[in-house]
N, C-alpha and C. Protein backbone atom coordinates (compact mmCIF):
# COMPACT_ATOMS: atom_id res chain seq x y z
N MET A 1 124.47 104.36 96.38
CA MET A 1 124.59 105.79 96.17
C MET A 1 125.39 106.39 97.34
N ARG A 2 126.30 107.27 97.01
CA ARG A 2 127.11 107.92 98.03
C ARG A 2 126.28 108.92 98.84
N LYS A 3 126.66 109.10 100.10
CA LYS A 3 125.96 110.03 100.98
C LYS A 3 125.96 111.45 100.40
N GLU A 4 127.08 111.86 99.86
CA GLU A 4 127.19 113.21 99.28
C GLU A 4 126.26 113.38 98.08
N THR A 5 126.13 112.32 97.29
CA THR A 5 125.24 112.35 96.13
C THR A 5 123.81 112.57 96.59
N LYS A 6 123.40 111.83 97.60
CA LYS A 6 122.04 111.96 98.15
C LYS A 6 121.81 113.37 98.66
N ASN A 7 122.82 113.96 99.27
CA ASN A 7 122.70 115.33 99.77
C ASN A 7 122.48 116.32 98.61
N TRP A 8 123.21 116.13 97.49
CA TRP A 8 123.00 117.00 96.32
C TRP A 8 121.57 116.86 95.82
N ILE A 9 121.07 115.64 95.76
CA ILE A 9 119.71 115.40 95.27
C ILE A 9 118.69 116.06 96.19
N ASP A 10 118.84 115.87 97.49
CA ASP A 10 117.92 116.48 98.45
C ASP A 10 117.95 118.00 98.35
N SER A 11 119.13 118.56 98.18
CA SER A 11 119.26 120.01 98.06
C SER A 11 118.60 120.52 96.77
N SER A 12 118.75 119.76 95.69
CA SER A 12 118.10 120.10 94.42
C SER A 12 116.58 120.10 94.59
N ASP A 13 116.05 119.07 95.25
CA ASP A 13 114.61 118.99 95.49
C ASP A 13 114.12 120.19 96.30
N TYR A 14 114.87 120.53 97.32
CA TYR A 14 114.52 121.67 98.18
C TYR A 14 114.48 122.96 97.35
N ASP A 15 115.48 123.15 96.50
CA ASP A 15 115.55 124.37 95.68
C ASP A 15 114.43 124.41 94.65
N PHE A 16 114.06 123.25 94.09
CA PHE A 16 112.96 123.25 93.13
C PHE A 16 111.64 123.59 93.81
N LYS A 17 111.44 123.09 95.01
CA LYS A 17 110.24 123.47 95.77
C LYS A 17 110.23 124.97 96.04
N THR A 18 111.39 125.51 96.34
CA THR A 18 111.50 126.95 96.55
C THR A 18 111.13 127.71 95.27
N ALA A 19 111.53 127.20 94.13
CA ALA A 19 111.15 127.82 92.85
C ALA A 19 109.63 127.88 92.72
N GLY A 20 108.97 126.80 93.12
CA GLY A 20 107.50 126.77 93.08
C GLY A 20 106.89 127.81 94.00
N HIS A 21 107.47 127.96 95.19
CA HIS A 21 106.97 128.98 96.12
C HIS A 21 107.21 130.39 95.59
N MET A 22 108.33 130.59 94.94
CA MET A 22 108.61 131.90 94.35
C MET A 22 107.61 132.19 93.22
N PHE A 23 107.23 131.17 92.47
CA PHE A 23 106.24 131.35 91.42
C PHE A 23 104.89 131.75 92.02
N GLU A 24 104.50 131.05 93.07
CA GLU A 24 103.21 131.34 93.72
C GLU A 24 103.14 132.76 94.28
N THR A 25 104.26 133.31 94.66
CA THR A 25 104.28 134.66 95.24
C THR A 25 104.63 135.74 94.22
N GLY A 26 104.79 135.35 92.96
CA GLY A 26 105.05 136.33 91.91
C GLY A 26 106.49 136.83 91.85
N ARG A 27 107.40 136.12 92.46
CA ARG A 27 108.83 136.49 92.44
C ARG A 27 109.50 135.73 91.30
N TYR A 28 109.13 136.09 90.07
CA TYR A 28 109.48 135.31 88.89
C TYR A 28 110.97 135.28 88.59
N LEU A 29 111.67 136.33 88.89
CA LEU A 29 113.11 136.35 88.69
C LEU A 29 113.77 135.25 89.52
N TYR A 30 113.29 135.06 90.73
CA TYR A 30 113.86 134.03 91.60
C TYR A 30 113.42 132.63 91.19
N VAL A 31 112.33 132.51 90.45
CA VAL A 31 111.96 131.22 89.88
C VAL A 31 113.08 130.76 88.95
N ILE A 32 113.52 131.68 88.10
CA ILE A 32 114.57 131.36 87.14
C ILE A 32 115.85 130.97 87.88
N PHE A 33 116.22 131.76 88.86
CA PHE A 33 117.42 131.50 89.64
C PHE A 33 117.35 130.13 90.31
N MET A 34 116.23 129.83 90.96
CA MET A 34 116.11 128.56 91.68
C MET A 34 116.01 127.37 90.72
N CYS A 35 115.43 127.57 89.56
CA CYS A 35 115.42 126.50 88.55
C CYS A 35 116.85 126.16 88.15
N HIS A 36 117.64 127.20 87.92
CA HIS A 36 119.04 126.98 87.55
C HIS A 36 119.78 126.20 88.64
N ILE A 37 119.64 126.65 89.86
CA ILE A 37 120.40 126.02 90.94
C ILE A 37 119.91 124.60 91.22
N SER A 38 118.63 124.33 91.01
CA SER A 38 118.14 122.96 91.23
C SER A 38 118.70 122.00 90.18
N ILE A 39 118.76 122.44 88.93
CA ILE A 39 119.37 121.60 87.89
C ILE A 39 120.86 121.47 88.14
N GLU A 40 121.51 122.56 88.51
CA GLU A 40 122.95 122.54 88.80
C GLU A 40 123.27 121.49 89.87
N LYS A 41 122.52 121.49 90.94
CA LYS A 41 122.80 120.56 92.03
C LYS A 41 122.52 119.11 91.63
N LEU A 42 121.48 118.89 90.86
CA LEU A 42 121.21 117.52 90.43
C LEU A 42 122.28 117.04 89.46
N MET A 43 122.75 117.93 88.59
CA MET A 43 123.86 117.57 87.71
C MET A 43 125.11 117.27 88.52
N LYS A 44 125.33 118.04 89.57
CA LYS A 44 126.49 117.79 90.43
C LYS A 44 126.36 116.45 91.14
N SER A 45 125.15 116.05 91.49
CA SER A 45 124.97 114.73 92.10
C SER A 45 125.35 113.65 91.10
N LEU A 46 124.99 113.85 89.86
CA LEU A 46 125.31 112.89 88.81
C LEU A 46 126.81 112.83 88.58
N VAL A 47 127.44 113.99 88.49
CA VAL A 47 128.90 114.06 88.31
C VAL A 47 129.59 113.37 89.48
N HIS A 48 129.13 113.64 90.69
CA HIS A 48 129.75 113.03 91.88
C HIS A 48 129.62 111.51 91.84
N GLU A 49 128.46 111.04 91.47
CA GLU A 49 128.23 109.59 91.46
C GLU A 49 129.05 108.92 90.36
N ILE A 50 129.16 109.56 89.22
CA ILE A 50 129.89 108.98 88.08
C ILE A 50 131.41 108.99 88.33
N THR A 51 131.92 110.13 88.81
CA THR A 51 133.37 110.28 88.94
C THR A 51 133.91 109.85 90.30
N GLY A 52 133.05 109.84 91.32
CA GLY A 52 133.51 109.53 92.67
C GLY A 52 134.25 110.69 93.31
N LYS A 53 134.23 111.83 92.65
CA LYS A 53 134.92 113.02 93.16
C LYS A 53 133.90 114.15 93.36
N LEU A 54 134.26 115.08 94.22
CA LEU A 54 133.40 116.25 94.38
C LEU A 54 133.30 116.97 93.04
N PRO A 55 132.11 117.43 92.70
CA PRO A 55 131.96 118.14 91.42
C PRO A 55 132.67 119.48 91.47
N PRO A 56 133.03 120.02 90.31
CA PRO A 56 133.72 121.30 90.29
C PRO A 56 132.84 122.43 90.81
N LYS A 57 133.47 123.43 91.37
CA LYS A 57 132.75 124.60 91.88
C LYS A 57 132.47 125.53 90.70
N THR A 58 131.39 125.24 90.03
CA THR A 58 130.99 126.00 88.86
C THR A 58 129.48 126.09 88.82
N HIS A 59 128.99 127.13 88.15
CA HIS A 59 127.56 127.28 87.92
C HIS A 59 127.22 126.98 86.46
N ASP A 60 128.22 126.59 85.68
CA ASP A 60 128.07 126.38 84.25
C ASP A 60 127.39 125.03 83.97
N LEU A 61 126.12 125.09 83.63
CA LEU A 61 125.36 123.87 83.39
C LEU A 61 125.86 123.09 82.18
N ILE A 62 126.34 123.81 81.17
CA ILE A 62 126.85 123.15 79.96
C ILE A 62 128.09 122.33 80.31
N TYR A 63 128.97 122.91 81.10
CA TYR A 63 130.17 122.21 81.54
C TYR A 63 129.81 120.97 82.36
N LEU A 64 128.87 121.11 83.28
CA LEU A 64 128.44 119.97 84.09
C LEU A 64 127.80 118.88 83.23
N LEU A 65 127.06 119.30 82.23
CA LEU A 65 126.43 118.34 81.32
C LEU A 65 127.49 117.54 80.57
N LYS A 66 128.56 118.21 80.15
CA LYS A 66 129.65 117.51 79.45
C LYS A 66 130.34 116.51 80.37
N ILE A 67 130.58 116.91 81.61
CA ILE A 67 131.24 116.00 82.56
C ILE A 67 130.36 114.79 82.84
N ALA A 68 129.07 115.02 82.98
CA ALA A 68 128.14 113.93 83.27
C ALA A 68 127.98 112.99 82.08
N ASP A 69 128.28 113.50 80.89
CA ASP A 69 128.26 112.68 79.68
C ASP A 69 126.95 111.91 79.54
N THR A 70 125.84 112.66 79.57
CA THR A 70 124.53 112.02 79.44
C THR A 70 124.06 112.06 77.99
N ASP A 71 123.03 111.32 77.70
CA ASP A 71 122.42 111.30 76.38
C ASP A 71 121.14 112.15 76.39
N MET A 72 121.21 113.28 77.07
CA MET A 72 120.06 114.16 77.20
C MET A 72 119.53 114.57 75.83
N PRO A 73 118.21 114.49 75.64
CA PRO A 73 117.62 114.91 74.36
C PRO A 73 117.96 116.36 74.03
N GLN A 74 118.06 116.63 72.74
CA GLN A 74 118.48 117.96 72.28
C GLN A 74 117.55 119.07 72.77
N THR A 75 116.26 118.84 72.82
CA THR A 75 115.36 119.89 73.29
C THR A 75 115.67 120.27 74.74
N MET A 76 116.01 119.28 75.55
CA MET A 76 116.39 119.56 76.94
C MET A 76 117.74 120.28 76.98
N ARG A 77 118.68 119.85 76.14
CA ARG A 77 119.99 120.52 76.08
C ARG A 77 119.81 122.00 75.70
N ASP A 78 118.90 122.24 74.77
CA ASP A 78 118.64 123.63 74.35
C ASP A 78 118.13 124.45 75.52
N PHE A 79 117.22 123.88 76.30
CA PHE A 79 116.71 124.60 77.46
C PHE A 79 117.80 124.82 78.50
N VAL A 80 118.63 123.82 78.73
CA VAL A 80 119.74 123.96 79.69
C VAL A 80 120.64 125.12 79.25
N GLY A 81 120.90 125.24 77.95
CA GLY A 81 121.69 126.36 77.44
C GLY A 81 121.01 127.70 77.68
N LYS A 82 119.72 127.73 77.47
CA LYS A 82 118.93 128.95 77.71
C LYS A 82 118.96 129.34 79.19
N LEU A 83 118.78 128.36 80.05
CA LEU A 83 118.81 128.59 81.49
C LEU A 83 120.20 129.01 81.94
N ASN A 84 121.22 128.40 81.36
CA ASN A 84 122.59 128.74 81.69
C ASN A 84 122.87 130.21 81.37
N ALA A 85 122.38 130.67 80.24
CA ALA A 85 122.58 132.08 79.85
C ALA A 85 121.81 133.02 80.77
N ALA A 86 120.65 132.59 81.23
CA ALA A 86 119.84 133.44 82.11
C ALA A 86 120.45 133.55 83.50
N SER A 87 121.29 132.63 83.84
CA SER A 87 121.86 132.57 85.19
C SER A 87 122.58 133.85 85.59
N VAL A 88 123.43 134.33 84.73
CA VAL A 88 124.25 135.50 85.08
C VAL A 88 123.38 136.72 85.29
N VAL A 89 122.43 136.96 84.39
CA VAL A 89 121.61 138.16 84.51
C VAL A 89 120.64 138.09 85.68
N THR A 90 120.24 136.88 86.07
CA THR A 90 119.35 136.79 87.23
C THR A 90 120.12 136.86 88.54
N ARG A 91 121.37 136.46 88.52
CA ARG A 91 122.21 136.56 89.73
C ARG A 91 122.70 137.99 89.97
N TYR A 92 123.05 138.66 88.88
CA TYR A 92 123.67 139.98 88.99
C TYR A 92 123.02 140.97 88.01
N PRO A 93 121.75 141.29 88.24
CA PRO A 93 121.07 142.18 87.28
C PRO A 93 121.64 143.59 87.31
N GLU A 94 121.99 144.08 86.13
CA GLU A 94 122.48 145.46 86.01
C GLU A 94 121.32 146.45 86.05
N ASP A 95 120.18 146.04 85.52
CA ASP A 95 118.99 146.88 85.49
C ASP A 95 117.83 146.00 85.97
N LEU A 96 117.54 146.07 87.26
CA LEU A 96 116.56 145.18 87.87
C LEU A 96 115.19 145.28 87.20
N ALA A 97 114.71 146.47 86.94
CA ALA A 97 113.38 146.63 86.34
C ALA A 97 113.32 145.96 84.97
N ARG A 98 114.37 146.11 84.18
CA ARG A 98 114.40 145.51 82.84
C ARG A 98 114.42 143.98 82.93
N ILE A 99 115.21 143.44 83.83
CA ILE A 99 115.33 141.99 83.93
C ILE A 99 114.06 141.37 84.52
N VAL A 100 113.42 142.05 85.46
CA VAL A 100 112.15 141.57 86.01
C VAL A 100 111.10 141.54 84.89
N ALA A 101 111.09 142.56 84.05
CA ALA A 101 110.13 142.62 82.94
C ALA A 101 110.40 141.52 81.91
N ALA A 102 111.64 141.08 81.80
CA ALA A 102 112.00 140.04 80.83
C ALA A 102 111.53 138.65 81.26
N TYR A 103 111.17 138.51 82.54
CA TYR A 103 110.75 137.21 83.06
C TYR A 103 109.37 137.32 83.72
N PRO A 104 108.32 137.55 82.92
CA PRO A 104 106.96 137.62 83.47
C PRO A 104 106.46 136.22 83.83
N GLU A 105 105.24 136.16 84.31
CA GLU A 105 104.64 134.91 84.78
C GLU A 105 104.72 133.79 83.74
N ALA A 106 104.36 134.07 82.50
CA ALA A 106 104.35 133.02 81.47
C ALA A 106 105.74 132.44 81.24
N VAL A 107 106.74 133.28 81.25
CA VAL A 107 108.12 132.81 81.05
C VAL A 107 108.57 131.99 82.26
N ALA A 108 108.26 132.47 83.45
CA ALA A 108 108.62 131.74 84.67
C ALA A 108 107.94 130.37 84.69
N ARG A 109 106.70 130.31 84.26
CA ARG A 109 105.98 129.03 84.22
C ARG A 109 106.67 128.07 83.25
N GLU A 110 107.08 128.59 82.10
CA GLU A 110 107.79 127.76 81.11
C GLU A 110 109.09 127.21 81.71
N TYR A 111 109.84 128.06 82.37
CA TYR A 111 111.09 127.63 83.00
C TYR A 111 110.82 126.58 84.08
N LEU A 112 109.81 126.80 84.87
CA LEU A 112 109.47 125.87 85.94
C LEU A 112 109.08 124.50 85.37
N ASN A 113 108.24 124.50 84.33
CA ASN A 113 107.81 123.25 83.71
C ASN A 113 108.97 122.50 83.06
N ASN A 114 109.81 123.23 82.33
CA ASN A 114 110.95 122.60 81.68
C ASN A 114 111.95 122.06 82.71
N THR A 115 112.14 122.81 83.78
CA THR A 115 113.05 122.35 84.83
C THR A 115 112.54 121.07 85.46
N LYS A 116 111.25 121.01 85.74
CA LYS A 116 110.67 119.81 86.32
C LYS A 116 110.91 118.60 85.42
N GLU A 117 110.72 118.78 84.13
CA GLU A 117 110.93 117.70 83.17
C GLU A 117 112.40 117.24 83.17
N ILE A 118 113.32 118.18 83.20
CA ILE A 118 114.74 117.84 83.19
C ILE A 118 115.15 117.15 84.49
N LEU A 119 114.66 117.64 85.61
CA LEU A 119 114.98 117.01 86.89
C LEU A 119 114.49 115.57 86.91
N GLN A 120 113.29 115.34 86.42
CA GLN A 120 112.76 113.98 86.37
C GLN A 120 113.61 113.09 85.46
N TRP A 121 114.04 113.65 84.33
CA TRP A 121 114.86 112.89 83.39
C TRP A 121 116.21 112.55 84.02
N LEU A 122 116.84 113.53 84.66
CA LEU A 122 118.14 113.30 85.29
C LEU A 122 118.06 112.24 86.39
N LYS A 123 116.98 112.27 87.15
CA LYS A 123 116.83 111.30 88.25
C LYS A 123 116.68 109.87 87.73
N GLN A 124 116.38 109.70 86.48
CA GLN A 124 116.25 108.36 85.91
C GLN A 124 117.57 107.81 85.35
N ARG A 125 118.64 108.59 85.46
CA ARG A 125 119.94 108.10 84.99
C ARG A 125 120.36 106.94 85.89
N LYS A 126 120.88 105.93 85.27
CA LYS A 126 121.22 104.67 85.95
C LYS A 126 122.07 104.91 87.20
N SER A 127 123.05 105.79 87.11
CA SER A 127 123.97 105.99 88.24
C SER A 127 123.26 106.61 89.44
N LEU A 128 122.11 107.25 89.25
CA LEU A 128 121.37 107.81 90.39
C LEU A 128 120.29 106.86 90.90
N LEU A 129 120.05 105.80 90.16
CA LEU A 129 119.04 104.83 90.58
C LEU A 129 119.62 103.70 91.43
N GLU A 130 120.92 103.56 91.38
CA GLU A 130 121.57 102.45 92.09
C GLU A 130 121.78 102.74 93.55
């Protein structure tokens, strides 16, 4: 495994732990944001390991998924699409009160659980195990 790939993985782990801390403190909007960035970084580790090149500077999870060319189950792909769409509104909320209300505790818990499952699945890809 390349040094840069390991760094992406470590950074993804750090961000996912941060998502958990944000959940514990009731900062649910940031749970969504950190879930997105943790998956983004792990996908970038996969892209880096597969291509041998630095991953593109993008936040688009769908694009990264295509580059990584994984056989991710459709239910996970659906969640990645949902998280990808949430990314813009959580990064740049036009109406903070409305967006905070859209992501209550139950929704944040769902995002956290689904993200954990996807991170575990991605880490089992052959190119990250070598």
